[in-house]
Amino acid sequence: MNAVASGPRSSPRKSVLFCAECSFQNPVSDGWLVVSDGEERTIVCPECGHVADHRTERSAPSPTRAD
């Protein structure tokens, strides 16, 4: 059985990041301020300055290698 899409989606895509402080929403690649110093990455809301995400390289998932 095949599913058929009927009309526009009512919910945003999973790749959209939401600011918990001001409700700004956009994909990370479109509008968010991303600051990286090589070992850490911080994503900041451009509307209110709230830090939405801060990670070190160690906390990010490592890619798997196919042999």
Protein backbone atom coordinates (compact mmCIF):
# COMPACT_ATOMS: atom_id res chain seq x y z
CA MET A 1 0.00 0.00 0.00
CA ASN A 2 1.31 3.46 -0.93
CA ALA A 3 0.60 6.58 1.09
CA VAL A 4 -0.65 9.59 -0.83
CA ALA A 5 0.05 13.11 0.39
CA SER A 6 -3.07 15.26 0.44
CA GLY A 7 -2.33 18.97 0.71
CA PRO A 8 0.40 20.85 2.55
CA ARG A 9 1.91 19.54 5.76
CA SER A 10 0.58 21.12 8.94
CA SER A 11 3.75 20.68 11.00
CA PRO A 12 7.27 21.99 10.30
CA ARG A 13 10.04 19.70 9.05
CA LYS A 14 12.28 17.99 11.58
CA SER A 15 15.28 20.01 10.41
CA VAL A 16 13.77 23.24 11.79
CA LEU A 17 15.33 24.54 15.01
CA PHE A 18 13.13 26.46 17.45
CA CYS A 19 14.28 29.11 19.95
CA ALA A 20 12.89 28.39 23.43
CA GLU A 21 12.99 32.07 24.36
CA CYS A 22 11.40 33.99 21.47
CA SER A 23 9.88 31.27 19.23
CA PHE A 24 12.16 32.08 16.25
CA GLN A 25 12.19 29.08 13.90
CA ASN A 26 14.27 28.29 10.82
CA PRO A 27 16.55 25.55 9.54
CA VAL A 28 20.01 25.79 11.12
CA SER A 29 21.46 26.58 7.70
CA ASP A 30 19.10 29.52 7.21
CA GLY A 31 19.22 32.34 9.72
CA TRP A 32 20.80 30.93 12.87
CA LEU A 33 24.19 32.22 13.99
CA VAL A 34 26.64 29.30 14.10
CA VAL A 35 29.93 29.94 15.90
CA SER A 36 32.63 27.28 15.73
CA ASP A 37 36.20 27.35 17.04
CA GLY A 38 37.20 23.88 15.87
CA GLU A 39 36.48 22.05 19.12
CA GLU A 40 33.13 23.60 20.02
CA ARG A 41 30.04 24.70 18.12
CA THR A 42 27.41 27.14 19.41
CA ILE A 43 24.11 27.94 17.71
CA VAL A 44 22.66 31.33 18.69
CA CYS A 45 19.23 32.80 17.93
CA PRO A 46 19.60 35.88 15.69
CA GLU A 47 16.47 37.47 17.17
CA CYS A 48 17.15 37.35 20.93
CA GLY A 49 20.71 35.98 21.37
CA HIS A 50 19.62 32.83 23.21
CA VAL A 51 22.09 29.93 22.93
CA ALA A 52 19.99 27.16 21.39
CA ASP A 53 22.76 24.56 21.29
CA HIS A 54 26.38 24.25 22.45
CA ARG A 55 28.44 21.13 21.79
CA THR A 56 32.00 19.97 21.91
CA GLU A 57 33.40 17.66 19.24
CA ARG A 58 33.46 14.84 21.80
CA SER A 59 29.69 15.10 22.36
CA ALA A 60 28.84 15.04 18.66
CA PRO A 61 28.16 11.63 17.15
CA SER A 62 31.10 10.22 15.26
CA PRO A 63 30.57 9.08 11.67
CA THR A 64 30.63 5.36 11.03
CA ARG A 65 33.03 3.92 8.48
CA ALA A 66 31.99 1.40 5.88
CA ASP A 67 34.61 -1.26 5.23
